[in-house]
PDB file of N, CA and C in Angstrom:
ATOM      1  N   MET A   1     -15.332 -16.581  -2.363  1.00  0.00           N
ATOM      2  CA  MET A   1     -14.694 -17.822  -2.133  1.00  0.00           C
ATOM      3  C   MET A   1     -15.476 -18.360  -0.638  1.00  0.00           C
ATOM      4  N   ALA A   2     -15.758 -19.540  -0.747  1.00  0.00           N
ATOM      5  CA  ALA A   2     -16.261 -20.009   0.680  1.00  0.00           C
ATOM      6  C   ALA A   2     -15.133 -20.298   1.354  1.00  0.00           C
ATOM      7  N   ALA A   3     -15.258 -20.411   2.824  1.00  0.00           N
ATOM      8  CA  ALA A   3     -14.328 -20.887   3.749  1.00  0.00           C
ATOM      9  C   ALA A   3     -13.901 -22.192   3.668  1.00  0.00           C
ATOM     10  N   LEU A   4     -12.542 -22.298   3.499  1.00  0.00           N
ATOM     11  CA  LEU A   4     -12.046 -23.937   3.367  1.00  0.00           C
ATOM     12  C   LEU A   4     -11.172 -24.003   4.420  1.00  0.00           C
ATOM     13  N   PHE A   5     -11.261 -25.147   4.857  1.00  0.00           N
ATOM     14  CA  PHE A   5     -10.374 -25.655   6.324  1.00  0.00           C
ATOM     15  C   PHE A   5      -9.203 -26.749   5.971  1.00  0.00           C
ATOM     16  N   PRO A   6      -8.095 -26.691   6.528  1.00  0.00           N
ATOM     17  CA  PRO A   6      -7.188 -27.826   6.294  1.00  0.00           C
ATOM     18  C   PRO A   6      -7.776 -29.130   6.440  1.00  0.00           C
ATOM     19  N   ARG A   7      -7.281 -30.004   5.743  1.00  0.00           N
ATOM     20  CA  ARG A   7      -7.791 -31.478   5.706  1.00  0.00           C
ATOM     21  C   ARG A   7      -6.495 -32.573   6.114  1.00  0.00           C
ATOM     22  N   PRO A   8      -6.850 -33.409   6.758  1.00  0.00           N
ATOM     23  CA  PRO A   8      -5.780 -34.507   7.035  1.00  0.00           C
ATOM     24  C   PRO A   8      -5.528 -35.157   5.840  1.00  0.00           C
ATOM     25  N   CYS A   9      -4.305 -35.554   5.790  1.00  0.00           N
ATOM     26  CA  CYS A   9      -3.840 -36.542   4.956  1.00  0.00           C
ATOM     27  C   CYS A   9      -2.797 -37.571   5.466  1.00  0.00           C
ATOM     28  N   GLU A  10      -2.254 -38.455   4.514  1.00  0.00           N
ATOM     29  CA  GLU A  10      -1.554 -39.427   5.089  1.00  0.00           C
ATOM     30  C   GLU A  10       0.094 -39.190   4.876  1.00  0.00           C
ATOM     31  N   GLY A  11       0.147 -37.811   4.699  1.00  0.00           N
ATOM     32  CA  GLY A  11       1.487 -37.428   4.753  1.00  0.00           C
ATOM     33  C   GLY A  11       2.338 -37.758   3.357  1.00  0.00           C
ATOM     34  N   PRO A  12       3.681 -37.718   3.404  1.00  0.00           N
ATOM     35  CA  PRO A  12       4.386 -37.524   2.340  1.00  0.00           C
ATOM     36  C   PRO A  12       4.390 -38.997   1.778  1.00  0.00           C
ATOM     37  N   SER A  13       4.711 -39.369   0.562  1.00  0.00           N
ATOM     38  CA  SER A  13       4.536 -40.898  -0.122  1.00  0.00           C
ATOM     39  C   SER A  13       5.820 -41.257  -0.084  1.00  0.00           C
ATOM     40  N   SER A  14       6.962 -40.369  -0.222  1.00  0.00           N
ATOM     41  CA  SER A  14       8.446 -41.216  -0.226  1.00  0.00           C
ATOM     42  C   SER A  14       9.308 -40.117   0.379  1.00  0.00           C
ATOM     43  N   ASP A  15      10.587 -40.852   0.464  1.00  0.00           N
ATOM     44  CA  ASP A  15      11.608 -40.118   1.295  1.00  0.00           C
ATOM     45  C   ASP A  15      11.940 -38.677   0.595  1.00  0.00           C
ATOM     46  N   GLU A  16      11.740 -38.857  -0.818  1.00  0.00           N
ATOM     47  CA  GLU A  16      12.063 -37.520  -1.345  1.00  0.00           C
ATOM     48  C   GLU A  16      11.050 -36.467  -1.052  1.00  0.00           C
ATOM     49  N   GLU A  17       9.821 -36.952  -0.933  1.00  0.00           N
ATOM     50  CA  GLU A  17       8.978 -35.693  -0.364  1.00  0.00           C
ATOM     51  C   GLU A  17       9.240 -35.279   0.992  1.00  0.00           C
ATOM     52  N   VAL A  18       9.535 -36.227   1.666  1.00  0.00           N
ATOM     53  CA  VAL A  18       9.882 -35.701   3.176  1.00  0.00           C
ATOM     54  C   VAL A  18      10.985 -34.755   3.010  1.00  0.00           C
ATOM     55  N   ASP A  19      11.903 -35.001   2.165  1.00  0.00           N
ATOM     56  CA  ASP A  19      13.273 -34.203   1.993  1.00  0.00           C
ATOM     57  C   ASP A  19      12.626 -32.664   1.600  1.00  0.00           C
ATOM     58  N   LEU A  20      11.697 -32.825   0.668  1.00  0.00           N
ATOM     59  CA  LEU A  20      11.346 -31.483  -0.011  1.00  0.00           C
ATOM     60  C   LEU A  20      10.241 -30.667   0.832  1.00  0.00           C
ATOM     61  N   PHE A  21       9.404 -31.409   1.322  1.00  0.00           N
ATOM     62  CA  PHE A  21       8.057 -30.713   2.083  1.00  0.00           C
ATOM     63  C   PHE A  21       7.920 -31.101   3.530  1.00  0.00           C
ATOM     64  N   GLY A  22       8.961 -31.871   4.042  1.00  0.00           N
ATOM     65  CA  GLY A  22       8.803 -32.085   5.347  1.00  0.00           C
ATOM     66  C   GLY A  22       7.688 -33.334   5.647  1.00  0.00           C
ATOM     67  N   ASP A  23       7.601 -33.487   6.843  1.00  0.00           N
ATOM     68  CA  ASP A  23       6.728 -34.707   7.257  1.00  0.00           C
ATOM     69  C   ASP A  23       5.157 -34.045   7.766  1.00  0.00           C
ATOM     70  N   TYR A  24       4.677 -33.674   6.399  1.00  0.00           N
ATOM     71  CA  TYR A  24       3.363 -33.060   6.783  1.00  0.00           C
ATOM     72  C   TYR A  24       2.058 -33.947   7.091  1.00  0.00           C
ATOM     73  N   ARG A  25       1.178 -33.299   7.860  1.00  0.00           N
ATOM     74  CA  ARG A  25      -0.020 -34.423   8.198  1.00  0.00           C
ATOM     75  C   ARG A  25      -1.227 -33.721   7.571  1.00  0.00           C
ATOM     76  N   GLN A  26      -1.348 -32.429   7.092  1.00  0.00           N
ATOM     77  CA  GLN A  26      -2.417 -31.810   6.944  1.00  0.00           C
ATOM     78  C   GLN A  26      -2.143 -31.132   5.418  1.00  0.00           C
ATOM     79  N   LEU A  27      -3.150 -30.831   4.407  1.00  0.00           N
ATOM     80  CA  LEU A  27      -3.041 -30.093   3.310  1.00  0.00           C
ATOM     81  C   LEU A  27      -3.993 -29.068   3.382  1.00  0.00           C
ATOM     82  N   PHE A  28      -3.343 -27.844   3.062  1.00  0.00           N
ATOM     83  CA  PHE A  28      -4.015 -26.510   3.107  1.00  0.00           C
ATOM     84  C   PHE A  28      -4.485 -25.992   1.862  1.00  0.00           C
ATOM     85  N   PRO A  29      -5.830 -25.605   1.787  1.00  0.00           N
ATOM     86  CA  PRO A  29      -6.558 -25.067   0.408  1.00  0.00           C
ATOM     87  C   PRO A  29      -5.959 -23.721   0.249  1.00  0.00           C
ATOM     88  N   ILE A  30      -5.194 -23.644  -1.001  1.00  0.00           N
ATOM     89  CA  ILE A  30      -4.988 -22.330  -1.455  1.00  0.00           C
ATOM     90  C   ILE A  30      -5.374 -22.041  -2.908  1.00  0.00           C
ATOM     91  N   HIS A  31      -5.602 -21.088  -3.392  1.00  0.00           N
ATOM     92  CA  HIS A  31      -5.868 -20.626  -4.799  1.00  0.00           C
ATOM     93  C   HIS A  31      -4.748 -20.279  -5.532  1.00  0.00           C
ATOM     94  N   VAL A  32      -4.385 -20.841  -6.753  1.00  0.00           N
ATOM     95  CA  VAL A  32      -3.300 -20.320  -7.640  1.00  0.00           C
ATOM     96  C   VAL A  32      -3.998 -19.869  -8.974  1.00  0.00           C
ATOM     97  N   LEU A  33      -3.974 -18.758  -9.262  1.00  0.00           N
ATOM     98  CA  LEU A  33      -4.280 -17.977 -10.595  1.00  0.00           C
ATOM     99  C   LEU A  33      -5.722 -18.538 -10.718  1.00  0.00           C
ATOM    100  N   GLY A  34      -6.556 -18.535  -9.668  1.00  0.00           N
ATOM    101  CA  GLY A  34      -8.119 -18.666  -9.394  1.00  0.00           C
ATOM    102  C   GLY A  34      -8.237 -20.314  -9.311  1.00  0.00           C
ATOM    103  N   ARG A  35      -7.637 -21.130  -9.424  1.00  0.00           N
ATOM    104  CA  ARG A  35      -8.011 -22.550  -9.071  1.00  0.00           C
ATOM    105  C   ARG A  35      -7.612 -23.050  -7.707  1.00  0.00           C
ATOM    106  N   LEU A  36      -8.394 -23.856  -7.170  1.00  0.00           N
ATOM    107  CA  LEU A  36      -8.202 -24.227  -5.875  1.00  0.00           C
ATOM    108  C   LEU A  36      -7.493 -25.591  -5.670  1.00  0.00           C
ATOM    109  N   PHE A  37      -6.305 -25.568  -5.001  1.00  0.00           N
ATOM    110  CA  PHE A  37      -5.724 -26.706  -4.841  1.00  0.00           C
ATOM    111  C   PHE A  37      -5.181 -27.181  -3.275  1.00  0.00           C
ATOM    112  N   TRP A  38      -4.764 -28.220  -3.190  1.00  0.00           N
ATOM    113  CA  TRP A  38      -4.543 -28.581  -1.659  1.00  0.00           C
ATOM    114  C   TRP A  38      -2.915 -28.768  -1.556  1.00  0.00           C
ATOM    115  N   VAL A  39      -2.296 -27.970  -0.564  1.00  0.00           N
ATOM    116  CA  VAL A  39      -0.729 -28.181  -0.566  1.00  0.00           C
ATOM    117  C   VAL A  39      -0.304 -28.430   0.987  1.00  0.00           C
ATOM    118  N   PRO A  40       0.745 -29.244   1.148  1.00  0.00           N
ATOM    119  CA  PRO A  40       1.453 -29.284   2.468  1.00  0.00           C
ATOM    120  C   PRO A  40       1.373 -28.265   3.517  1.00  0.00           C
ATOM    121  N   GLU A  41       1.073 -28.479   4.609  1.00  0.00           N
ATOM    122  CA  GLU A  41       1.022 -27.529   5.643  1.00  0.00           C
ATOM    123  C   GLU A  41       2.596 -27.107   6.101  1.00  0.00           C
ATOM    124  N   ASP A  42       2.835 -26.201   6.598  1.00  0.00           N
ATOM    125  CA  ASP A  42       4.304 -25.786   7.000  1.00  0.00           C
ATOM    126  C   ASP A  42       5.411 -25.697   5.805  1.00  0.00           C
ATOM    127  N   ASN A  43       4.961 -24.877   4.716  1.00  0.00           N
ATOM    128  CA  ASN A  43       5.877 -24.808   3.643  1.00  0.00           C
ATOM    129  C   ASN A  43       5.509 -23.424   3.155  1.00  0.00           C
ATOM    130  N   THR A  44       6.548 -23.055   2.334  1.00  0.00           N
ATOM    131  CA  THR A  44       6.385 -21.763   1.579  1.00  0.00           C
ATOM    132  C   THR A  44       5.664 -21.937   0.329  1.00  0.00           C
ATOM    133  N   VAL A  45       5.343 -20.742  -0.140  1.00  0.00           N
ATOM    134  CA  VAL A  45       4.600 -20.949  -1.272  1.00  0.00           C
ATOM    135  C   VAL A  45       5.532 -21.245  -2.458  1.00  0.00           C
ATOM    136  N   LEU A  46       6.639 -21.202  -2.477  1.00  0.00           N
ATOM    137  CA  LEU A  46       7.716 -21.580  -3.296  1.00  0.00           C
ATOM    138  C   LEU A  46       7.593 -23.142  -3.432  1.00  0.00           C
ATOM    139  N   ARG A  47       7.696 -23.640  -2.218  1.00  0.00           N
ATOM    140  CA  ARG A  47       7.661 -25.227  -2.087  1.00  0.00           C
ATOM    141  C   ARG A  47       6.339 -25.653  -2.395  1.00  0.00           C
ATOM    142  N   ALA A  48       5.161 -25.080  -1.908  1.00  0.00           N
ATOM    143  CA  ALA A  48       3.960 -25.610  -2.409  1.00  0.00           C
ATOM    144  C   ALA A  48       3.466 -25.432  -3.904  1.00  0.00           C
ATOM    145  N   LEU A  49       4.159 -24.678  -4.610  1.00  0.00           N
ATOM    146  CA  LEU A  49       4.158 -24.626  -6.063  1.00  0.00           C
ATOM    147  C   LEU A  49       4.905 -25.411  -6.765  1.00  0.00           C
ATOM    148  N   GLN A  50       6.154 -26.019  -6.151  1.00  0.00           N
ATOM    149  CA  GLN A  50       6.922 -27.203  -6.430  1.00  0.00           C
ATOM    150  C   GLN A  50       6.002 -28.470  -6.155  1.00  0.00           C
ATOM    151  N   PHE A  51       5.299 -28.458  -5.065  1.00  0.00           N
ATOM    152  CA  PHE A  51       4.414 -29.700  -4.897  1.00  0.00           C
ATOM    153  C   PHE A  51       3.467 -29.802  -5.951  1.00  0.00           C
ATOM    154  N   LEU A  52       2.812 -28.825  -6.530  1.00  0.00           N
ATOM    155  CA  LEU A  52       1.871 -28.769  -7.450  1.00  0.00           C
ATOM    156  C   LEU A  52       2.161 -29.282  -8.723  1.00  0.00           C
ATOM    157  N   GLU A  53       3.573 -28.659  -9.091  1.00  0.00           N
ATOM    158  CA  GLU A  53       4.418 -29.227 -10.411  1.00  0.00           C
ATOM    159  C   GLU A  53       4.443 -30.878 -10.372  1.00  0.00           C
ATOM    160  N   LEU A  54       5.058 -31.221  -9.037  1.00  0.00           N
ATOM    161  CA  LEU A  54       5.368 -32.750  -9.093  1.00  0.00           C
ATOM    162  C   LEU A  54       4.181 -33.474  -9.001  1.00  0.00           C
ATOM    163  N   ARG A  55       3.083 -33.143  -8.211  1.00  0.00           N
ATOM    164  CA  ARG A  55       2.084 -34.127  -7.913  1.00  0.00           C
ATOM    165  C   ARG A  55       0.933 -33.814  -9.001  1.00  0.00           C
ATOM    166  N   GLU A  56       0.560 -32.616  -9.601  1.00  0.00           N
ATOM    167  CA  GLU A  56      -0.382 -32.366 -10.542  1.00  0.00           C
ATOM    168  C   GLU A  56      -0.064 -31.884 -11.685  1.00  0.00           C
ATOM    169  N   GLY A  57       1.229 -31.435 -12.022  1.00  0.00           N
ATOM    170  CA  GLY A  57       1.616 -30.937 -13.224  1.00  0.00           C
ATOM    171  C   GLY A  57       0.849 -29.623 -13.485  1.00  0.00           C
ATOM    172  N   ALA A  58       0.428 -28.812 -12.295  1.00  0.00           N
ATOM    173  CA  ALA A  58      -0.324 -27.818 -12.472  1.00  0.00           C
ATOM    174  C   ALA A  58       0.466 -26.378 -12.752  1.00  0.00           C
ATOM    175  N   VAL A  59       1.729 -26.264 -12.711  1.00  0.00           N
ATOM    176  CA  VAL A  59       2.605 -25.392 -12.783  1.00  0.00           C
ATOM    177  C   VAL A  59       3.793 -25.629 -13.418  1.00  0.00           C
ATOM    178  N   ARG A  60       4.491 -24.563 -14.130  1.00  0.00           N
ATOM    179  CA  ARG A  60       5.870 -24.626 -14.242  1.00  0.00           C
ATOM    180  C   ARG A  60       6.671 -23.596 -13.985  1.00  0.00           C
ATOM    181  N   LEU A  61       7.771 -23.914 -13.113  1.00  0.00           N
ATOM    182  CA  LEU A  61       8.443 -22.764 -12.774  1.00  0.00           C
ATOM    183  C   LEU A  61      10.039 -23.110 -13.059  1.00  0.00           C
ATOM    184  N   PRO A  62      10.772 -22.199 -13.156  1.00  0.00           N
ATOM    185  CA  PRO A  62      12.050 -22.274 -13.594  1.00  0.00           C
ATOM    186  C   PRO A  62      12.877 -22.282 -12.176  1.00  0.00           C
ATOM    187  N   TYR A  63      12.849 -23.463 -11.305  1.00  0.00           N
ATOM    188  CA  TYR A  63      13.348 -23.469 -10.060  1.00  0.00           C
ATOM    189  C   TYR A  63      14.787 -23.164  -9.994  1.00  0.00           C
ATOM    190  N   LYS A  64      15.532 -23.535 -11.036  1.00  0.00           N
ATOM    191  CA  LYS A  64      16.860 -23.152 -10.849  1.00  0.00           C
ATOM    192  C   LYS A  64      17.465 -21.592 -11.063  1.00  0.00           C
ATOM    193  N   ASP A  65      16.342 -20.758 -11.246  1.00  0.00           N
ATOM    194  CA  ASP A  65      16.548 -19.373 -11.159  1.00  0.00           C
ATOM    195  C   ASP A  65      16.262 -18.810  -9.934  1.00  0.00           C
ATOM    196  N   TYR A  66      15.790 -19.432  -8.978  1.00  0.00           N
ATOM    197  CA  TYR A  66      15.353 -19.026  -7.634  1.00  0.00           C
ATOM    198  C   TYR A  66      16.529 -19.244  -6.415  1.00  0.00           C
ATOM    199  N   CYS A  67      16.597 -18.335  -5.667  1.00  0.00           N
ATOM    200  CA  CYS A  67      17.566 -18.625  -4.668  1.00  0.00           C
ATOM    201  C   CYS A  67      17.082 -19.304  -3.519  1.00  0.00           C
ATOM    202  N   TRP A  68      16.001 -19.464  -3.344  1.00  0.00           N
ATOM    203  CA  TRP A  68      15.239 -20.273  -2.359  1.00  0.00           C
ATOM    204  C   TRP A  68      15.577 -19.861  -0.907  1.00  0.00           C
ATOM    205  N   ASN A  69      16.242 -18.820  -0.644  1.00  0.00           N
ATOM    206  CA  ASN A  69      16.274 -18.444   0.728  1.00  0.00           C
ATOM    207  C   ASN A  69      16.646 -16.968   0.992  1.00  0.00           C
ATOM    208  N   ASP A  70      15.757 -16.125   0.064  1.00  0.00           N
ATOM    209  CA  ASP A  70      15.532 -14.569   0.109  1.00  0.00           C
ATOM    210  C   ASP A  70      17.070 -13.796  -0.124  1.00  0.00           C
ATOM    211  N   THR A  71      17.922 -14.378  -0.907  1.00  0.00           N
ATOM    212  CA  THR A  71      19.102 -13.614  -0.986  1.00  0.00           C
ATOM    213  C   THR A  71      19.134 -12.784  -2.162  1.00  0.00           C
ATOM    214  N   LYS A  72      18.324 -13.078  -3.055  1.00  0.00           N
ATOM    215  CA  LYS A  72      18.258 -12.316  -4.404  1.00  0.00           C
ATOM    216  C   LYS A  72      16.981 -11.510  -4.736  1.00  0.00           C
ATOM    217  N   GLY A  73      16.042 -12.194  -4.218  1.00  0.00           N
ATOM    218  CA  GLY A  73      14.569 -11.409  -4.320  1.00  0.00           C
ATOM    219  C   GLY A  73      13.962 -11.823  -5.825  1.00  0.00           C
ATOM    220  N   CYS A  74      14.400 -13.084  -6.306  1.00  0.00           N
ATOM    221  CA  CYS A  74      14.100 -13.380  -7.586  1.00  0.00           C
ATOM    222  C   CYS A  74      12.872 -14.071  -7.493  1.00  0.00           C
ATOM    223  N   CYS A  75      12.140 -14.402  -6.529  1.00  0.00           N
ATOM    224  CA  CYS A  75      10.983 -15.298  -6.767  1.00  0.00           C
ATOM    225  C   CYS A  75       9.837 -14.457  -6.360  1.00  0.00           C
ATOM    226  N   GLU A  76       9.678 -12.984  -6.680  1.00  0.00           N
ATOM    227  CA  GLU A  76       8.587 -12.069  -6.025  1.00  0.00           C
ATOM    228  C   GLU A  76       7.416 -12.613  -6.819  1.00  0.00           C
ATOM    229  N   MET A  77       6.335 -12.722  -6.050  1.00  0.00           N
ATOM    230  CA  MET A  77       4.734 -13.065  -6.805  1.00  0.00           C
ATOM    231  C   MET A  77       3.815 -11.886  -5.898  1.00  0.00           C
ATOM    232  N   ARG A  78       2.704 -12.075  -6.619  1.00  0.00           N
ATOM    233  CA  ARG A  78       1.685 -11.329  -6.152  1.00  0.00           C
ATOM    234  C   ARG A  78       0.524 -12.293  -5.533  1.00  0.00           C
ATOM    235  N   TYR A  79       0.148 -11.669  -4.190  1.00  0.00           N
ATOM    236  CA  TYR A  79      -0.884 -12.790  -3.566  1.00  0.00           C
ATOM    237  C   TYR A  79      -1.804 -12.112  -2.535  1.00  0.00           C
ATOM    238  N   ARG A  80      -2.894 -12.423  -2.157  1.00  0.00           N
ATOM    239  CA  ARG A  80      -3.734 -12.262  -1.088  1.00  0.00           C
ATOM    240  C   ARG A  80      -3.643 -13.072   0.109  1.00  0.00           C
ATOM    241  N   PRO A  81      -3.236 -12.609   1.156  1.00  0.00           N
ATOM    242  CA  PRO A  81      -3.024 -13.539   2.437  1.00  0.00           C
ATOM    243  C   PRO A  81      -4.328 -14.272   2.685  1.00  0.00           C
ATOM    244  N   THR A  82      -5.402 -13.603   2.503  1.00  0.00           N
ATOM    245  CA  THR A  82      -6.813 -14.048   2.974  1.00  0.00           C
ATOM    246  C   THR A  82      -7.844 -13.515   1.646  1.00  0.00           C
ATOM    247  N   PRO A  83      -8.803 -14.303   1.434  1.00  0.00           N
ATOM    248  CA  PRO A  83      -9.821 -13.722   0.486  1.00  0.00           C
ATOM    249  C   PRO A  83     -10.194 -12.353   0.796  1.00  0.00           C
ATOM    250  N   GLU A  84     -10.297 -11.664   1.760  1.00  0.00           N
ATOM    251  CA  GLU A  84     -10.808 -10.268   1.993  1.00  0.00           C
ATOM    252  C   GLU A  84      -9.313  -9.255   1.662  1.00  0.00           C
ATOM    253  N   ALA A  85      -8.317  -9.807   1.744  1.00  0.00           N
ATOM    254  CA  ALA A  85      -7.025  -8.878   1.917  1.00  0.00           C
ATOM    255  C   ALA A  85      -6.709  -8.227   0.575  1.00  0.00           C
ATOM    256  N   GLU A  86      -6.102  -7.197   0.428  1.00  0.00           N
ATOM    257  CA  GLU A  86      -5.829  -6.572  -0.853  1.00  0.00           C
ATOM    258  C   GLU A  86      -4.397  -7.450  -1.302  1.00  0.00           C
ATOM    259  N   VAL A  87      -4.180  -7.418  -2.744  1.00  0.00           N
ATOM    260  CA  VAL A  87      -3.031  -8.111  -3.303  1.00  0.00           C
ATOM    261  C   VAL A  87      -1.925  -7.240  -2.839  1.00  0.00           C
ATOM    262  N   VAL A  88      -0.909  -8.207  -2.631  1.00  0.00           N
ATOM    263  CA  VAL A  88       0.348  -7.502  -1.957  1.00  0.00           C
ATOM    264  C   VAL A  88       1.629  -8.273  -2.755  1.00  0.00           C
ATOM    265  N   PRO A  89       2.503  -7.647  -2.893  1.00  0.00           N
ATOM    266  CA  PRO A  89       3.933  -8.271  -3.496  1.00  0.00           C
ATOM    267  C   PRO A  89       4.688  -9.056  -2.293  1.00  0.00           C
ATOM    268  N   ALA A  90       5.154 -10.310  -2.455  1.00  0.00           N
ATOM    269  CA  ALA A  90       5.985 -10.834  -1.695  1.00  0.00           C
ATOM    270  C   ALA A  90       7.034 -11.837  -2.250  1.00  0.00           C
ATOM    271  N   ARG A  91       7.711 -12.365  -1.496  1.00  0.00           N
ATOM    272  CA  ARG A  91       8.666 -13.543  -1.955  1.00  0.00           C
ATOM    273  C   ARG A  91       8.202 -14.544  -1.767  1.00  0.00           C
ATOM    274  N   ALA A  92       8.167 -15.390  -2.741  1.00  0.00           N
ATOM    275  CA  ALA A  92       7.405 -16.949  -2.785  1.00  0.00           C
ATOM    276  C   ALA A  92       8.441 -17.700  -1.716  1.00  0.00           C
ATOM    277  N   CYS A  93       9.674 -17.466  -1.724  1.00  0.00           N
ATOM    278  CA  CYS A  93      10.582 -18.360  -0.958  1.00  0.00           C
ATOM    279  C   CYS A  93      10.424 -17.977   0.710  1.00  0.00           C
ATOM    280  N   GLN A  94       9.629 -16.866   1.062  1.00  0.00           N
ATOM    281  CA  GLN A  94       9.530 -16.398   2.621  1.00  0.00           C
ATOM    282  C   GLN A  94       7.942 -16.591   2.854  1.00  0.00           C
ATOM    283  N   THR A  95       7.201 -16.480   1.837  1.00  0.00           N
ATOM    284  CA  THR A  95       5.767 -16.588   2.383  1.00  0.00           C
ATOM    285  C   THR A  95       5.063 -18.040   2.719  1.00  0.00           C
ATOM    286  N   ARG A  96       4.751 -18.184   3.861  1.00  0.00           N
ATOM    287  CA  ARG A  96       4.299 -19.386   4.374  1.00  0.00           C
ATOM    288  C   ARG A  96       2.628 -19.691   3.993  1.00  0.00           C
ATOM    289  N   VAL A  97       2.641 -20.926   3.430  1.00  0.00           N
ATOM    290  CA  VAL A  97       1.113 -21.252   2.931  1.00  0.00           C
ATOM    291  C   VAL A  97       0.192 -21.168   4.174  1.00  0.00           C
ATOM    292  N   ALA A  98      -1.069 -20.617   4.055  1.00  0.00           N
ATOM    293  CA  ALA A  98      -2.052 -20.755   4.830  1.00  0.00           C
ATOM    294  C   ALA A  98      -3.198 -20.811   4.063  1.00  0.00           C
ATOM    295  N   PRO A  99      -4.392 -21.579   4.986  1.00  0.00           N
ATOM    296  CA  PRO A  99      -5.670 -21.710   4.336  1.00  0.00           C
ATOM    297  C   PRO A  99      -6.043 -20.362   3.922  1.00  0.00           C
ATOM    298  N   GLY A 100      -6.694 -20.582   2.462  1.00  0.00           N
ATOM    299  CA  GLY A 100      -7.436 -19.293   2.033  1.00  0.00           C
ATOM    300  C   GLY A 100      -6.308 -18.200   1.073  1.00  0.00           C
ATOM    301  N   LEU A 101      -5.131 -18.494   1.303  1.00  0.00           N
ATOM    302  CA  LEU A 101      -3.978 -17.693   0.633  1.00  0.00           C
ATOM    303  C   LEU A 101      -4.442 -17.886  -0.808  1.00  0.00           C
ATOM    304  N   GLU A 102      -4.138 -16.918  -1.669  1.00  0.00           N
ATOM    305  CA  GLU A 102      -4.523 -16.823  -3.103  1.00  0.00           C
ATOM    306  C   GLU A 102      -3.217 -16.211  -3.920  1.00  0.00           C
ATOM    307  N   VAL A 103      -2.614 -17.123  -4.598  1.00  0.00           N
ATOM    308  CA  VAL A 103      -1.633 -16.296  -5.499  1.00  0.00           C
ATOM    309  C   VAL A 103      -2.284 -15.851  -6.636  1.00  0.00           C
ATOM    310  N   VAL A 104      -1.900 -14.474  -6.977  1.00  0.00           N
ATOM    311  CA  VAL A 104      -2.688 -14.027  -8.123  1.00  0.00           C
ATOM    312  C   VAL A 104      -1.644 -13.724  -9.193  1.00  0.00           C
ATOM    313  N   ALA A 105      -0.382 -13.775  -8.928  1.00  0.00           N
ATOM    314  CA  ALA A 105       0.655 -13.618 -10.081  1.00  0.00           C
ATOM    315  C   ALA A 105       1.756 -14.675  -9.549  1.00  0.00           C
ATOM    316  N   LEU A 106       2.287 -15.554 -10.491  1.00  0.00           N
ATOM    317  CA  LEU A 106       3.508 -16.321 -10.068  1.00  0.00           C
ATOM    318  C   LEU A 106       4.702 -15.811 -10.152  1.00  0.00           C
ATOM    319  N   PRO A 107       5.763 -16.238  -9.569  1.00  0.00           N
ATOM    320  CA  PRO A 107       7.076 -15.645  -9.739  1.00  0.00           C
ATOM    321  C   PRO A 107       7.454 -15.624 -11.166  1.00  0.00           C
ATOM    322  N   LYS A 108       8.340 -14.885 -11.537  1.00  0.00           N
ATOM    323  CA  LYS A 108       9.096 -14.472 -12.606  1.00  0.00           C
ATOM    324  C   LYS A 108       9.266 -15.985 -13.441  1.00  0.00           C
ATOM    325  N   GLY A 109       8.828 -16.090 -14.660  1.00  0.00           N
ATOM    326  CA  GLY A 109       9.105 -17.264 -15.382  1.00  0.00           C
ATOM    327  C   GLY A 109       8.054 -18.328 -15.092  1.00  0.00           C
ATOM    328  N   GLY A 110       7.129 -18.348 -14.324  1.00  0.00           N
ATOM    329  CA  GLY A 110       6.254 -19.261 -13.944  1.00  0.00           C
ATOM    330  C   GLY A 110       4.937 -19.249 -14.851  1.00  0.00           C
ATOM    331  N   ARG A 111       4.397 -20.488 -15.059  1.00  0.00           N
ATOM    332  CA  ARG A 111       3.134 -20.337 -16.049  1.00  0.00           C
ATOM    333  C   ARG A 111       2.334 -21.516 -15.455  1.00  0.00           C
ATOM    334  N   ALA A 112       1.019 -21.245 -15.530  1.00  0.00           N
ATOM    335  CA  ALA A 112       0.105 -22.474 -15.377  1.00  0.00           C
ATOM    336  C   ALA A 112      -0.062 -23.453 -16.363  1.00  0.00           C
ATOM    337  N   CYS A 113      -0.308 -24.523 -15.981  1.00  0.00           N
ATOM    338  CA  CYS A 113      -0.548 -25.647 -17.195  1.00  0.00           C
ATOM    339  C   CYS A 113      -1.817 -26.152 -17.079  1.00  0.00           C
ATOM    340  N   TRP A 114      -2.918 -25.407 -17.271  1.00  0.00           N
ATOM    341  CA  TRP A 114      -4.330 -25.713 -17.224  1.00  0.00           C
ATOM    342  C   TRP A 114      -5.033 -24.782 -18.221  1.00  0.00           C
TER     343      TRP A 114
END
C-alpha cells in the first residue's frame, strides 16, 4: 500500500453528523477489508464504520448490539495499525482511526456491502 495522508474537507454536512462524528476538518485514509475509504479524524473505528454506512452504504453493522463504551467487549475486530504491523485484535469502540489503519475483520455481525 502506498503512503496516504489526511486530506482536508469541509466538515460535517448536518447537525446530526456533528453529533455523531464531531466537527471534523480532515478525512483519514483507512482500509476496510481491502478497500480504501476516507473517514473523519478524531473518531473510533466503530464511528468510522458508521460513517461509511451512512455516507457510502459500504458496510452494515448491528449497532444496537454494541455497547459503544467498552463495557461489554462486543465489538472486537481485527486490524493492522499501520501497513507494516501485524494483525491484532481490538475493540472498535476504543480504537482511534489513523491514516493507514487497516480493518481486516469487522466486529461480530458486520458485513461488507460491495
